[in-house]
Amino acid sequence: MPGLFTPVEWNDHLLVDGGLLNNVPVQVLRDWGADYVIAVNLLPPYARNARPRNLWELWMLTLYTLERSAHAEAQQADCTIYPDVIEFSLADLEHAEEMMERGRRAAEAKLEQLRADLQPSPLEELRRRLSGVRRR
């Protein structure tokens, strides 16, 4: 969360939270060698018919739009988990246990997809078995 965490100096760079720039860095993970990426999306869906009624709501909608654009890479993830945390603020640490429990339930709901996606193909399984066979 930009503004919440103190920037850190590292190797002549000033590092700040990338929440508004790249909140779900799927491509970075793939560049680092990840074969399978799991993302968690905490942003609630946008109600398209909701129009801002005042300057505060307009500002919040603008911030939401920036956050949503920072989630653009989330669509490139192999599996995205959507915990039902719409009624909580992301800074609402008073309800952290309930939010974590909802995250657990959302992750458990994706277990079947994860097992299917991460099951080795027959060809991969054959290669794995053959790699353990010694050649004479």
N, C-alpha and C. Protein backbone atom coordinates (compact mmCIF):
# COMPACT_ATOMS: atom_id res chain seq x y z
N MET A 1 0.84 -1.16 0.00
CA MET A 1 0.00 0.00 0.00
C MET A 1 0.88 1.23 0.00
N PRO A 2 0.94 1.95 -1.11
CA PRO A 2 1.76 3.16 -1.17
C PRO A 2 1.32 4.15 -0.09
N GLY A 3 2.31 4.75 0.55
CA GLY A 3 2.03 5.71 1.60
C GLY A 3 1.92 5.08 2.97
N LEU A 4 1.73 3.78 3.03
CA LEU A 4 1.62 3.08 4.31
C LEU A 4 2.98 2.54 4.75
N PHE A 5 3.76 2.04 3.78
CA PHE A 5 5.07 1.48 4.08
C PHE A 5 6.16 2.47 3.71
N THR A 6 7.18 2.53 4.54
CA THR A 6 8.30 3.44 4.33
C THR A 6 9.16 2.96 3.16
N PRO A 7 9.51 3.85 2.23
CA PRO A 7 10.42 3.46 1.14
C PRO A 7 11.77 2.98 1.70
N VAL A 8 12.43 2.11 0.95
CA VAL A 8 13.70 1.53 1.37
C VAL A 8 14.74 1.80 0.30
N GLU A 9 15.94 2.23 0.73
CA GLU A 9 17.04 2.41 -0.22
C GLU A 9 17.77 1.09 -0.36
N TRP A 10 18.05 0.69 -1.63
CA TRP A 10 18.73 -0.57 -1.91
C TRP A 10 19.51 -0.43 -3.20
N ASN A 11 20.84 -0.63 -3.15
CA ASN A 11 21.71 -0.56 -4.34
C ASN A 11 21.43 0.68 -5.18
N ASP A 12 21.48 1.84 -4.57
CA ASP A 12 21.25 3.12 -5.25
C ASP A 12 19.85 3.25 -5.83
N HIS A 13 18.90 2.49 -5.33
CA HIS A 13 17.51 2.59 -5.77
C HIS A 13 16.64 2.90 -4.55
N LEU A 14 15.57 3.63 -4.79
CA LEU A 14 14.58 3.86 -3.76
C LEU A 14 13.39 2.97 -4.07
N LEU A 15 13.14 1.98 -3.22
CA LEU A 15 12.07 1.02 -3.45
C LEU A 15 10.82 1.44 -2.67
N VAL A 16 9.70 1.51 -3.37
CA VAL A 16 8.42 1.83 -2.73
C VAL A 16 7.43 0.74 -3.10
N ASP A 17 6.36 0.64 -2.35
CA ASP A 17 5.33 -0.35 -2.64
C ASP A 17 4.79 -0.10 -4.04
N GLY A 18 4.70 -1.15 -4.84
CA GLY A 18 4.26 -1.02 -6.22
C GLY A 18 2.77 -1.19 -6.42
N GLY A 19 2.00 -1.00 -5.37
CA GLY A 19 0.57 -1.25 -5.43
C GLY A 19 -0.18 -0.53 -6.53
N LEU A 20 0.23 0.67 -6.85
CA LEU A 20 -0.47 1.40 -7.91
C LEU A 20 0.17 1.20 -9.27
N LEU A 21 1.31 0.55 -9.33
CA LEU A 21 1.99 0.35 -10.60
C LEU A 21 1.81 -1.07 -11.13
N ASN A 22 2.11 -2.05 -10.29
CA ASN A 22 2.00 -3.45 -10.72
C ASN A 22 1.68 -4.30 -9.49
N ASN A 23 0.42 -4.34 -9.16
CA ASN A 23 -0.01 -5.01 -7.93
C ASN A 23 0.00 -6.53 -8.03
N VAL A 24 -0.03 -7.04 -9.24
CA VAL A 24 -0.02 -8.49 -9.45
C VAL A 24 1.04 -8.79 -10.52
N PRO A 25 2.31 -8.88 -10.13
CA PRO A 25 3.41 -8.97 -11.10
C PRO A 25 3.59 -10.36 -11.71
N VAL A 26 2.61 -10.81 -12.46
CA VAL A 26 2.65 -12.14 -13.06
C VAL A 26 3.83 -12.27 -14.01
N GLN A 27 4.04 -11.28 -14.87
CA GLN A 27 5.12 -11.38 -15.86
C GLN A 27 6.48 -11.41 -15.18
N VAL A 28 6.64 -10.67 -14.10
CA VAL A 28 7.91 -10.69 -13.35
C VAL A 28 8.18 -12.11 -12.86
N LEU A 29 7.16 -12.76 -12.33
CA LEU A 29 7.33 -14.13 -11.84
C LEU A 29 7.68 -15.08 -12.99
N ARG A 30 7.04 -14.90 -14.13
CA ARG A 30 7.36 -15.75 -15.28
C ARG A 30 8.80 -15.50 -15.75
N ASP A 31 9.22 -14.22 -15.75
CA ASP A 31 10.60 -13.89 -16.13
C ASP A 31 11.60 -14.53 -15.18
N TRP A 32 11.22 -14.71 -13.92
CA TRP A 32 12.09 -15.34 -12.93
C TRP A 32 12.02 -16.85 -13.00
N GLY A 33 11.21 -17.39 -13.90
CA GLY A 33 11.18 -18.84 -14.10
C GLY A 33 9.95 -19.56 -13.60
N ALA A 34 8.95 -18.85 -13.12
CA ALA A 34 7.74 -19.52 -12.63
C ALA A 34 6.99 -20.15 -13.80
N ASP A 35 6.63 -21.42 -13.63
CA ASP A 35 5.84 -22.12 -14.64
C ASP A 35 4.35 -21.96 -14.39
N TYR A 36 3.98 -21.74 -13.15
CA TYR A 36 2.57 -21.67 -12.77
C TYR A 36 2.42 -20.55 -11.76
N VAL A 37 1.50 -19.63 -12.01
CA VAL A 37 1.33 -18.47 -11.14
C VAL A 37 -0.09 -18.46 -10.56
N ILE A 38 -0.15 -18.34 -9.25
CA ILE A 38 -1.43 -18.21 -8.54
C ILE A 38 -1.53 -16.77 -8.05
N ALA A 39 -2.62 -16.09 -8.41
CA ALA A 39 -2.84 -14.71 -7.98
C ALA A 39 -4.02 -14.67 -7.02
N VAL A 40 -4.03 -13.67 -6.16
CA VAL A 40 -5.16 -13.43 -5.27
C VAL A 40 -5.66 -12.03 -5.55
N ASN A 41 -6.93 -11.91 -5.90
CA ASN A 41 -7.52 -10.61 -6.23
C ASN A 41 -8.41 -10.18 -5.08
N LEU A 42 -8.02 -9.09 -4.42
CA LEU A 42 -8.79 -8.57 -3.29
C LEU A 42 -9.67 -7.40 -3.65
N LEU A 43 -9.59 -6.95 -4.90
CA LEU A 43 -10.42 -5.81 -5.31
C LEU A 43 -11.84 -6.27 -5.60
N PRO A 44 -12.82 -5.57 -5.07
CA PRO A 44 -14.21 -5.94 -5.36
C PRO A 44 -14.54 -5.59 -6.81
N PRO A 45 -15.52 -6.27 -7.38
CA PRO A 45 -15.93 -5.92 -8.73
C PRO A 45 -16.54 -4.52 -8.75
N TYR A 46 -16.36 -3.84 -9.86
CA TYR A 46 -16.87 -2.47 -10.01
C TYR A 46 -18.34 -2.51 -10.42
N ALA A 47 -19.16 -1.77 -9.71
CA ALA A 47 -20.58 -1.65 -10.06
C ALA A 47 -20.71 -0.57 -11.12
N ARG A 48 -20.84 -0.96 -12.36
CA ARG A 48 -20.83 -0.01 -13.48
C ARG A 48 -21.94 1.02 -13.43
N ASN A 49 -23.04 0.71 -12.80
CA ASN A 49 -24.14 1.67 -12.78
C ASN A 49 -24.02 2.66 -11.62
N ALA A 50 -23.02 2.48 -10.76
CA ALA A 50 -22.84 3.40 -9.65
C ALA A 50 -22.11 4.65 -10.14
N ARG A 51 -22.79 5.78 -10.02
CA ARG A 51 -22.18 7.05 -10.42
C ARG A 51 -21.79 7.81 -9.16
N PRO A 52 -20.62 8.46 -9.20
CA PRO A 52 -20.21 9.22 -8.02
C PRO A 52 -21.20 10.36 -7.74
N ARG A 53 -21.55 10.50 -6.44
CA ARG A 53 -22.51 11.53 -6.04
C ARG A 53 -21.85 12.78 -5.52
N ASN A 54 -20.52 12.68 -5.26
CA ASN A 54 -19.80 13.84 -4.72
C ASN A 54 -18.32 13.70 -5.04
N LEU A 55 -17.56 14.70 -4.65
CA LEU A 55 -16.13 14.71 -4.97
C LEU A 55 -15.40 13.55 -4.31
N TRP A 56 -15.75 13.19 -3.08
CA TRP A 56 -15.11 12.07 -2.39
C TRP A 56 -15.32 10.77 -3.16
N GLU A 57 -16.55 10.49 -3.59
CA GLU A 57 -16.83 9.26 -4.33
C GLU A 57 -16.12 9.27 -5.68
N LEU A 58 -16.00 10.43 -6.29
CA LEU A 58 -15.25 10.53 -7.55
C LEU A 58 -13.78 10.20 -7.32
N TRP A 59 -13.21 10.70 -6.23
CA TRP A 59 -11.81 10.42 -5.91
C TRP A 59 -11.63 8.94 -5.64
N MET A 60 -12.55 8.33 -4.90
CA MET A 60 -12.46 6.90 -4.61
C MET A 60 -12.58 6.07 -5.90
N LEU A 61 -13.45 6.48 -6.80
CA LEU A 61 -13.59 5.78 -8.09
C LEU A 61 -12.30 5.91 -8.90
N THR A 62 -11.67 7.07 -8.85
CA THR A 62 -10.40 7.27 -9.56
C THR A 62 -9.32 6.35 -8.98
N LEU A 63 -9.25 6.29 -7.66
CA LEU A 63 -8.27 5.42 -7.01
C LEU A 63 -8.55 3.96 -7.36
N TYR A 64 -9.82 3.57 -7.34
CA TYR A 64 -10.19 2.20 -7.69
C TYR A 64 -9.75 1.89 -9.13
N THR A 65 -9.96 2.83 -10.03
CA THR A 65 -9.57 2.63 -11.44
C THR A 65 -8.06 2.44 -11.55
N LEU A 66 -7.29 3.22 -10.79
CA LEU A 66 -5.83 3.04 -10.79
C LEU A 66 -5.46 1.66 -10.25
N GLU A 67 -6.08 1.26 -9.16
CA GLU A 67 -5.79 -0.06 -8.59
C GLU A 67 -6.17 -1.17 -9.56
N ARG A 68 -7.31 -1.02 -10.21
CA ARG A 68 -7.75 -2.04 -11.18
C ARG A 68 -6.75 -2.15 -12.32
N SER A 69 -6.22 -1.01 -12.80
CA SER A 69 -5.25 -1.08 -13.90
C SER A 69 -3.95 -1.73 -13.43
N ALA A 70 -3.63 -1.61 -12.14
CA ALA A 70 -2.44 -2.26 -11.60
C ALA A 70 -2.65 -3.77 -11.48
N HIS A 71 -3.88 -4.23 -11.62
CA HIS A 71 -4.21 -5.66 -11.57
C HIS A 71 -4.31 -6.27 -12.97
N ALA A 72 -3.93 -5.52 -13.99
CA ALA A 72 -4.11 -6.00 -15.37
C ALA A 72 -3.45 -7.35 -15.60
N GLU A 73 -2.31 -7.58 -15.01
CA GLU A 73 -1.59 -8.84 -15.22
C GLU A 73 -2.26 -10.02 -14.54
N ALA A 74 -3.18 -9.77 -13.61
CA ALA A 74 -3.84 -10.86 -12.90
C ALA A 74 -4.54 -11.81 -13.88
N GLN A 75 -4.98 -11.29 -15.01
CA GLN A 75 -5.65 -12.12 -16.01
C GLN A 75 -4.68 -13.12 -16.65
N GLN A 76 -3.38 -12.87 -16.53
CA GLN A 76 -2.39 -13.76 -17.10
C GLN A 76 -1.99 -14.88 -16.13
N ALA A 77 -2.49 -14.81 -14.90
CA ALA A 77 -2.18 -15.86 -13.92
C ALA A 77 -2.88 -17.15 -14.33
N ASP A 78 -2.30 -18.26 -13.94
CA ASP A 78 -2.89 -19.56 -14.26
C ASP A 78 -4.11 -19.84 -13.40
N CYS A 79 -4.10 -19.32 -12.19
CA CYS A 79 -5.21 -19.52 -11.26
C CYS A 79 -5.36 -18.23 -10.45
N THR A 80 -6.57 -17.70 -10.39
CA THR A 80 -6.81 -16.50 -9.59
C THR A 80 -7.84 -16.83 -8.51
N ILE A 81 -7.50 -16.47 -7.29
CA ILE A 81 -8.35 -16.70 -6.13
C ILE A 81 -9.03 -15.37 -5.78
N TYR A 82 -10.34 -15.43 -5.56
CA TYR A 82 -11.13 -14.24 -5.25
C TYR A 82 -11.79 -14.40 -3.87
N PRO A 83 -11.11 -14.03 -2.79
CA PRO A 83 -11.76 -14.11 -1.48
C PRO A 83 -12.93 -13.12 -1.40
N ASP A 84 -13.99 -13.50 -0.72
CA ASP A 84 -15.15 -12.65 -0.55
C ASP A 84 -14.91 -11.71 0.63
N VAL A 85 -14.24 -10.60 0.34
CA VAL A 85 -13.91 -9.62 1.38
C VAL A 85 -14.44 -8.24 1.02
N ILE A 86 -15.50 -8.20 0.23
CA ILE A 86 -16.00 -6.93 -0.31
C ILE A 86 -16.43 -5.95 0.79
N GLU A 87 -16.93 -6.45 1.92
CA GLU A 87 -17.41 -5.51 2.94
C GLU A 87 -16.31 -4.99 3.85
N PHE A 88 -15.07 -5.46 3.65
CA PHE A 88 -13.96 -5.02 4.49
C PHE A 88 -13.08 -4.03 3.74
N SER A 89 -12.51 -3.11 4.48
CA SER A 89 -11.46 -2.26 3.94
C SER A 89 -10.18 -3.08 3.97
N LEU A 90 -9.30 -2.86 2.98
CA LEU A 90 -8.04 -3.60 2.97
C LEU A 90 -7.16 -3.25 4.16
N ALA A 91 -7.45 -2.11 4.80
CA ALA A 91 -6.68 -1.70 5.98
C ALA A 91 -7.40 -2.07 7.27
N ASP A 92 -8.48 -2.82 7.19
CA ASP A 92 -9.30 -3.19 8.34
C ASP A 92 -8.69 -4.38 9.05
N LEU A 93 -7.66 -4.13 9.83
CA LEU A 93 -6.95 -5.22 10.51
C LEU A 93 -7.73 -5.76 11.70
N GLU A 94 -8.76 -5.06 12.12
CA GLU A 94 -9.59 -5.53 13.22
C GLU A 94 -10.30 -6.84 12.86
N HIS A 95 -10.56 -7.03 11.56
CA HIS A 95 -11.24 -8.24 11.09
C HIS A 95 -10.30 -9.16 10.33
N ALA A 96 -9.02 -9.10 10.64
CA ALA A 96 -8.02 -9.87 9.91
C ALA A 96 -8.30 -11.37 9.95
N GLU A 97 -8.69 -11.90 11.10
CA GLU A 97 -8.96 -13.34 11.20
C GLU A 97 -10.09 -13.76 10.26
N GLU A 98 -11.16 -12.98 10.21
CA GLU A 98 -12.28 -13.30 9.32
C GLU A 98 -11.86 -13.20 7.86
N MET A 99 -11.06 -12.18 7.52
CA MET A 99 -10.60 -12.05 6.14
C MET A 99 -9.70 -13.22 5.76
N MET A 100 -8.82 -13.66 6.67
CA MET A 100 -7.95 -14.80 6.37
C MET A 100 -8.77 -16.08 6.20
N GLU A 101 -9.78 -16.25 7.03
CA GLU A 101 -10.64 -17.43 6.90
C GLU A 101 -11.35 -17.43 5.54
N ARG A 102 -11.81 -16.28 5.10
CA ARG A 102 -12.45 -16.20 3.79
C ARG A 102 -11.43 -16.48 2.68
N GLY A 103 -10.20 -16.04 2.88
CA GLY A 103 -9.15 -16.35 1.92
C GLY A 103 -8.88 -17.84 1.85
N ARG A 104 -8.86 -18.50 3.02
CA ARG A 104 -8.67 -19.95 3.06
C ARG A 104 -9.78 -20.67 2.30
N ARG A 105 -11.02 -20.25 2.55
CA ARG A 105 -12.15 -20.89 1.87
C ARG A 105 -12.07 -20.69 0.35
N ALA A 106 -11.69 -19.48 -0.07
CA ALA A 106 -11.58 -19.22 -1.51
C ALA A 106 -10.45 -20.05 -2.12
N ALA A 107 -9.34 -20.22 -1.39
CA ALA A 107 -8.23 -21.04 -1.89
C ALA A 107 -8.64 -22.50 -1.95
N GLU A 108 -9.34 -22.98 -0.93
CA GLU A 108 -9.79 -24.37 -0.93
C GLU A 108 -10.76 -24.63 -2.09
N ALA A 109 -11.53 -23.63 -2.46
CA ALA A 109 -12.46 -23.78 -3.59
C ALA A 109 -11.71 -23.95 -4.91
N LYS A 110 -10.46 -23.56 -4.96
CA LYS A 110 -9.65 -23.68 -6.17
C LYS A 110 -8.78 -24.94 -6.18
N LEU A 111 -8.83 -25.74 -5.12
CA LEU A 111 -7.96 -26.92 -5.03
C LEU A 111 -8.15 -27.88 -6.19
N GLU A 112 -9.38 -28.11 -6.61
CA GLU A 112 -9.61 -29.04 -7.72
C GLU A 112 -8.93 -28.54 -8.99
N GLN A 113 -9.08 -27.24 -9.27
CA GLN A 113 -8.41 -26.68 -10.45
C GLN A 113 -6.89 -26.81 -10.32
N LEU A 114 -6.37 -26.50 -9.14
CA LEU A 114 -4.92 -26.58 -8.94
C LEU A 114 -4.41 -28.01 -9.12
N ARG A 115 -5.12 -28.97 -8.56
CA ARG A 115 -4.70 -30.37 -8.73
C ARG A 115 -4.72 -30.78 -10.19
N ALA A 116 -5.76 -30.38 -10.91
CA ALA A 116 -5.86 -30.74 -12.33
C ALA A 116 -4.76 -30.05 -13.14
N ASP A 117 -4.55 -28.76 -12.87
CA ASP A 117 -3.54 -28.00 -13.62
C ASP A 117 -2.13 -28.50 -13.36
N LEU A 118 -1.87 -28.90 -12.13
CA LEU A 118 -0.50 -29.26 -11.75
C LEU A 118 -0.22 -30.75 -11.84
N GLN A 119 -1.20 -31.52 -12.27
CA GLN A 119 -1.00 -32.95 -12.50
C GLN A 119 -0.06 -33.11 -13.68
N PRO A 120 1.01 -33.88 -13.54
CA PRO A 120 1.93 -34.04 -14.68
C PRO A 120 1.23 -34.77 -15.82
N SER A 121 1.55 -34.34 -17.03
CA SER A 121 1.01 -35.03 -18.20
C SER A 121 1.66 -36.41 -18.30
N PRO A 122 1.05 -37.33 -19.03
CA PRO A 122 1.67 -38.66 -19.18
C PRO A 122 3.09 -38.58 -19.73
N LEU A 123 3.32 -37.67 -20.67
CA LEU A 123 4.67 -37.52 -21.24
C LEU A 123 5.65 -37.02 -20.19
N GLU A 124 5.25 -36.05 -19.37
CA GLU A 124 6.12 -35.55 -18.31
C GLU A 124 6.41 -36.65 -17.29
N GLU A 125 5.41 -37.45 -16.97
CA GLU A 125 5.60 -38.54 -16.01
C GLU A 125 6.57 -39.58 -16.58
N LEU A 126 6.46 -39.91 -17.86
CA LEU A 126 7.37 -40.85 -18.51
C LEU A 126 8.80 -40.31 -18.48
N ARG A 127 8.97 -39.02 -18.81
CA ARG A 127 10.30 -38.41 -18.78
C ARG A 127 10.90 -38.47 -17.38
N ARG A 128 10.06 -38.20 -16.37
CA ARG A 128 10.54 -38.24 -14.99
C ARG A 128 11.02 -39.64 -14.63
N ARG A 129 10.24 -40.63 -15.01
CA ARG A 129 10.62 -42.01 -14.69
C ARG A 129 11.87 -42.43 -15.44
N LEU A 130 11.97 -42.04 -16.72
CA LEU A 130 13.13 -42.42 -17.52
C LEU A 130 14.39 -41.71 -17.06
N SER A 131 14.26 -40.51 -16.52
CA SER A 131 15.44 -39.78 -16.07
C SER A 131 16.12 -40.49 -14.88
N GLY A 132 15.35 -41.33 -14.17
CA GLY A 132 15.91 -42.08 -13.06
C GLY A 132 16.50 -43.41 -13.45
N VAL A 133 16.33 -43.81 -14.72
CA VAL A 133 16.85 -45.11 -15.20
C VAL A 133 18.31 -44.91 -15.59
N ARG A 134 19.19 -45.76 -15.09
CA ARG A 134 20.61 -45.66 -15.44
C ARG A 134 20.86 -46.29 -16.80
N ARG A 135 21.69 -45.62 -17.54
CA ARG A 135 22.08 -46.17 -18.84
C ARG A 135 23.37 -46.95 -18.68
N ARG A 136 23.49 -48.05 -19.43
CA ARG A 136 24.69 -48.89 -19.33
C ARG A 136 25.65 -48.60 -20.42
